Amino acid sequence: MPDVTGLTGAAGAAGKVSFTWTNPQPKPGDSYKWRVHTLKDDGQYQATAEPKAEMAANPAEPSCIQVMIVRSDGASSPLGPDSIACVSK
């Protein structure tokens, strides 16, 4: 099972950062979990059915996200380098 591809982010309005990605091998029932990824620690995963997420911009360092694909049987993607993307502050 692959990681997401094309994970990119962009600064938005009101101190927000938006990220989008592609599921390279979609299957029925797929969903996603994403979390804020920082140098110190990672946030709690949040579930979404759509290949997009929005988070508050990190004022101290780049705003980064990590995304996993979750199959309906509970399998998840490996969280390799392609699962993380950042937007500079």
N, C-alpha and C. Protein backbone atom coordinates (compact mmCIF):
# COMPACT_ATOMS: atom_id res chain seq x y z
N MET A 1 0.85 -1.19 0.00
CA MET A 1 0.00 0.00 0.00
C MET A 1 0.88 1.24 0.00
N PRO A 2 0.66 2.16 -0.91
CA PRO A 2 1.53 3.33 -1.02
C PRO A 2 1.13 4.45 -0.06
N ASP A 3 2.07 5.38 0.12
CA ASP A 3 1.75 6.63 0.80
C ASP A 3 1.00 7.54 -0.17
N VAL A 4 0.46 8.62 0.38
CA VAL A 4 -0.15 9.64 -0.47
C VAL A 4 0.91 10.22 -1.39
N THR A 5 0.48 10.81 -2.51
CA THR A 5 1.39 11.49 -3.43
C THR A 5 0.92 12.92 -3.61
N GLY A 6 1.82 13.76 -4.08
CA GLY A 6 1.46 15.13 -4.39
C GLY A 6 1.02 15.93 -3.18
N LEU A 7 1.53 15.61 -2.00
CA LEU A 7 1.16 16.33 -0.78
C LEU A 7 1.79 17.71 -0.82
N THR A 8 0.95 18.72 -0.92
CA THR A 8 1.44 20.09 -1.00
C THR A 8 0.58 20.99 -0.13
N GLY A 9 1.18 22.08 0.31
CA GLY A 9 0.47 23.03 1.15
C GLY A 9 0.64 24.45 0.66
N ALA A 10 -0.24 25.31 1.12
CA ALA A 10 -0.18 26.72 0.77
C ALA A 10 -0.75 27.54 1.91
N ALA A 11 -0.14 28.69 2.16
CA ALA A 11 -0.66 29.60 3.18
C ALA A 11 -1.99 30.16 2.72
N GLY A 12 -2.93 30.20 3.64
CA GLY A 12 -4.25 30.73 3.33
C GLY A 12 -4.54 31.98 4.14
N ALA A 13 -5.79 32.33 4.20
CA ALA A 13 -6.20 33.53 4.93
C ALA A 13 -6.25 33.26 6.43
N ALA A 14 -6.16 34.33 7.21
CA ALA A 14 -6.38 34.30 8.66
C ALA A 14 -5.47 33.30 9.38
N GLY A 15 -4.19 33.23 8.97
CA GLY A 15 -3.25 32.39 9.68
C GLY A 15 -3.45 30.91 9.51
N LYS A 16 -4.08 30.50 8.43
CA LYS A 16 -4.32 29.09 8.18
C LYS A 16 -3.41 28.59 7.07
N VAL A 17 -3.15 27.28 7.08
CA VAL A 17 -2.41 26.62 6.02
C VAL A 17 -3.27 25.46 5.52
N SER A 18 -3.41 25.35 4.20
CA SER A 18 -4.21 24.28 3.60
C SER A 18 -3.30 23.30 2.88
N PHE A 19 -3.62 22.02 3.00
CA PHE A 19 -2.86 20.96 2.33
C PHE A 19 -3.81 20.11 1.50
N THR A 20 -3.31 19.61 0.38
CA THR A 20 -4.06 18.66 -0.44
C THR A 20 -3.10 17.54 -0.85
N TRP A 21 -3.69 16.39 -1.19
CA TRP A 21 -2.89 15.24 -1.60
C TRP A 21 -3.71 14.35 -2.51
N THR A 22 -3.04 13.33 -3.05
CA THR A 22 -3.67 12.37 -3.94
C THR A 22 -3.48 10.96 -3.39
N ASN A 23 -4.51 10.16 -3.49
CA ASN A 23 -4.42 8.73 -3.15
C ASN A 23 -4.07 8.02 -4.46
N PRO A 24 -2.85 7.46 -4.58
CA PRO A 24 -2.43 6.89 -5.86
C PRO A 24 -3.12 5.58 -6.22
N GLN A 25 -3.68 4.89 -5.24
CA GLN A 25 -4.37 3.62 -5.51
C GLN A 25 -5.68 3.59 -4.71
N PRO A 26 -6.64 4.44 -5.05
CA PRO A 26 -7.86 4.51 -4.25
C PRO A 26 -8.66 3.21 -4.29
N LYS A 27 -9.25 2.88 -3.16
CA LYS A 27 -10.13 1.73 -3.05
C LYS A 27 -11.40 2.17 -2.32
N PRO A 28 -12.52 1.50 -2.57
CA PRO A 28 -13.75 1.86 -1.87
C PRO A 28 -13.55 1.81 -0.35
N GLY A 29 -14.05 2.84 0.33
CA GLY A 29 -13.94 2.88 1.78
C GLY A 29 -12.69 3.55 2.30
N ASP A 30 -11.79 3.99 1.41
CA ASP A 30 -10.58 4.68 1.87
C ASP A 30 -10.94 5.97 2.61
N SER A 31 -10.15 6.27 3.63
CA SER A 31 -10.23 7.56 4.30
C SER A 31 -8.80 7.96 4.66
N TYR A 32 -8.66 9.07 5.35
CA TYR A 32 -7.34 9.59 5.66
C TYR A 32 -7.29 10.00 7.12
N LYS A 33 -6.07 9.98 7.66
CA LYS A 33 -5.82 10.59 8.96
C LYS A 33 -4.63 11.51 8.79
N TRP A 34 -4.70 12.68 9.40
CA TRP A 34 -3.59 13.62 9.30
C TRP A 34 -3.30 14.20 10.68
N ARG A 35 -2.06 14.64 10.85
CA ARG A 35 -1.67 15.27 12.10
C ARG A 35 -0.66 16.36 11.82
N VAL A 36 -0.61 17.31 12.72
CA VAL A 36 0.43 18.34 12.68
C VAL A 36 1.75 17.66 13.04
N HIS A 37 2.78 17.94 12.26
CA HIS A 37 4.10 17.34 12.44
C HIS A 37 5.09 18.45 12.77
N THR A 38 5.74 18.38 13.95
CA THR A 38 6.71 19.41 14.33
C THR A 38 8.03 18.75 14.73
N LEU A 39 9.05 19.57 14.92
CA LEU A 39 10.35 19.06 15.33
C LEU A 39 10.28 18.44 16.72
N LYS A 40 9.42 18.97 17.58
CA LYS A 40 9.34 18.50 18.97
C LYS A 40 8.46 17.26 19.10
N ASP A 41 7.30 17.29 18.51
CA ASP A 41 6.39 16.16 18.64
C ASP A 41 5.32 16.23 17.55
N ASP A 42 4.48 15.23 17.51
CA ASP A 42 3.41 15.18 16.52
C ASP A 42 2.07 15.31 17.24
N GLY A 43 1.12 15.95 16.58
CA GLY A 43 -0.20 16.12 17.14
C GLY A 43 -1.02 14.84 17.05
N GLN A 44 -2.24 14.92 17.53
CA GLN A 44 -3.17 13.80 17.44
C GLN A 44 -3.70 13.70 16.02
N TYR A 45 -3.94 12.47 15.57
CA TYR A 45 -4.50 12.28 14.24
C TYR A 45 -5.95 12.76 14.18
N GLN A 46 -6.30 13.38 13.07
CA GLN A 46 -7.66 13.78 12.79
C GLN A 46 -8.10 13.06 11.52
N ALA A 47 -9.31 12.53 11.53
CA ALA A 47 -9.81 11.76 10.39
C ALA A 47 -10.52 12.68 9.40
N THR A 48 -10.39 12.35 8.13
CA THR A 48 -11.11 13.07 7.08
C THR A 48 -11.38 12.11 5.92
N ALA A 49 -12.50 12.32 5.26
CA ALA A 49 -12.83 11.50 4.10
C ALA A 49 -12.30 12.13 2.81
N GLU A 50 -11.98 13.42 2.85
CA GLU A 50 -11.53 14.15 1.67
C GLU A 50 -10.01 14.30 1.69
N PRO A 51 -9.37 14.36 0.51
CA PRO A 51 -7.91 14.50 0.46
C PRO A 51 -7.46 15.94 0.65
N LYS A 52 -7.85 16.51 1.79
CA LYS A 52 -7.45 17.89 2.09
C LYS A 52 -7.55 18.12 3.59
N ALA A 53 -6.78 19.08 4.07
CA ALA A 53 -6.78 19.41 5.49
C ALA A 53 -6.41 20.88 5.65
N GLU A 54 -6.85 21.47 6.75
CA GLU A 54 -6.49 22.85 7.06
C GLU A 54 -6.05 22.91 8.51
N MET A 55 -4.99 23.63 8.77
CA MET A 55 -4.47 23.76 10.13
C MET A 55 -4.06 25.21 10.37
N ALA A 56 -3.91 25.57 11.63
CA ALA A 56 -3.39 26.88 11.98
C ALA A 56 -1.90 26.93 11.65
N ALA A 57 -1.46 28.03 11.08
CA ALA A 57 -0.05 28.17 10.75
C ALA A 57 0.78 28.15 12.03
N ASN A 58 1.95 27.53 11.96
CA ASN A 58 2.88 27.49 13.09
C ASN A 58 3.71 28.77 13.06
N PRO A 59 3.62 29.61 14.09
CA PRO A 59 4.34 30.90 14.04
C PRO A 59 5.85 30.77 14.23
N ALA A 60 6.32 29.66 14.80
CA ALA A 60 7.73 29.54 15.18
C ALA A 60 8.58 28.77 14.17
N GLU A 61 7.97 27.94 13.36
CA GLU A 61 8.71 27.10 12.42
C GLU A 61 7.79 26.79 11.25
N PRO A 62 8.30 26.11 10.21
CA PRO A 62 7.40 25.77 9.10
C PRO A 62 6.19 24.97 9.59
N SER A 63 5.08 25.13 8.91
CA SER A 63 3.86 24.39 9.23
C SER A 63 3.89 23.08 8.46
N CYS A 64 3.93 21.96 9.18
CA CYS A 64 4.07 20.65 8.55
C CYS A 64 2.91 19.74 8.91
N ILE A 65 2.64 18.81 8.01
CA ILE A 65 1.55 17.86 8.18
C ILE A 65 2.05 16.49 7.79
N GLN A 66 1.48 15.45 8.41
CA GLN A 66 1.74 14.07 8.02
C GLN A 66 0.39 13.42 7.75
N VAL A 67 0.30 12.69 6.64
CA VAL A 67 -0.97 12.11 6.20
C VAL A 67 -0.82 10.61 5.97
N MET A 68 -1.80 9.84 6.46
CA MET A 68 -1.84 8.41 6.16
C MET A 68 -3.16 8.07 5.46
N ILE A 69 -3.08 7.08 4.58
CA ILE A 69 -4.27 6.50 3.97
C ILE A 69 -4.73 5.36 4.86
N VAL A 70 -6.03 5.28 5.13
CA VAL A 70 -6.58 4.20 5.94
C VAL A 70 -7.59 3.43 5.09
N ARG A 71 -7.38 2.12 4.96
CA ARG A 71 -8.30 1.25 4.23
C ARG A 71 -9.46 0.85 5.13
N SER A 72 -10.53 0.40 4.51
CA SER A 72 -11.72 -0.01 5.28
C SER A 72 -11.43 -1.21 6.18
N ASP A 73 -10.37 -2.00 5.85
CA ASP A 73 -10.02 -3.14 6.69
C ASP A 73 -9.04 -2.77 7.81
N GLY A 74 -8.73 -1.47 7.93
CA GLY A 74 -7.84 -1.00 8.99
C GLY A 74 -6.38 -0.89 8.59
N ALA A 75 -6.00 -1.38 7.42
CA ALA A 75 -4.62 -1.23 6.96
C ALA A 75 -4.32 0.25 6.73
N SER A 76 -3.05 0.63 6.92
CA SER A 76 -2.69 2.04 6.71
C SER A 76 -1.39 2.13 5.94
N SER A 77 -1.17 3.28 5.31
CA SER A 77 0.03 3.50 4.52
C SER A 77 1.25 3.60 5.43
N PRO A 78 2.47 3.43 4.89
CA PRO A 78 3.66 3.27 5.72
C PRO A 78 4.23 4.53 6.36
N LEU A 79 3.72 5.70 6.02
CA LEU A 79 4.20 6.97 6.59
C LEU A 79 5.68 7.21 6.30
N GLY A 80 6.05 7.03 5.04
CA GLY A 80 7.41 7.33 4.60
C GLY A 80 7.58 8.82 4.33
N PRO A 81 8.69 9.22 3.70
CA PRO A 81 8.97 10.64 3.46
C PRO A 81 7.88 11.37 2.68
N ASP A 82 7.20 10.68 1.76
CA ASP A 82 6.16 11.35 0.97
C ASP A 82 4.93 11.70 1.78
N SER A 83 4.83 11.18 3.02
CA SER A 83 3.65 11.44 3.83
C SER A 83 3.74 12.76 4.59
N ILE A 84 4.87 13.47 4.48
CA ILE A 84 5.08 14.73 5.20
C ILE A 84 5.33 15.86 4.20
N ALA A 85 4.71 17.01 4.46
CA ALA A 85 4.97 18.21 3.67
C ALA A 85 4.91 19.42 4.59
N CYS A 86 5.60 20.48 4.20
CA CYS A 86 5.67 21.69 5.02
C CYS A 86 5.43 22.93 4.17
N VAL A 87 4.97 23.97 4.82
CA VAL A 87 4.86 25.30 4.22
C VAL A 87 5.69 26.23 5.10
N SER A 88 6.61 26.95 4.48
CA SER A 88 7.48 27.86 5.24
C SER A 88 6.67 28.95 5.91
N LYS A 89 7.16 29.40 7.07
CA LYS A 89 6.43 30.45 7.78
C LYS A 89 6.59 31.78 7.11
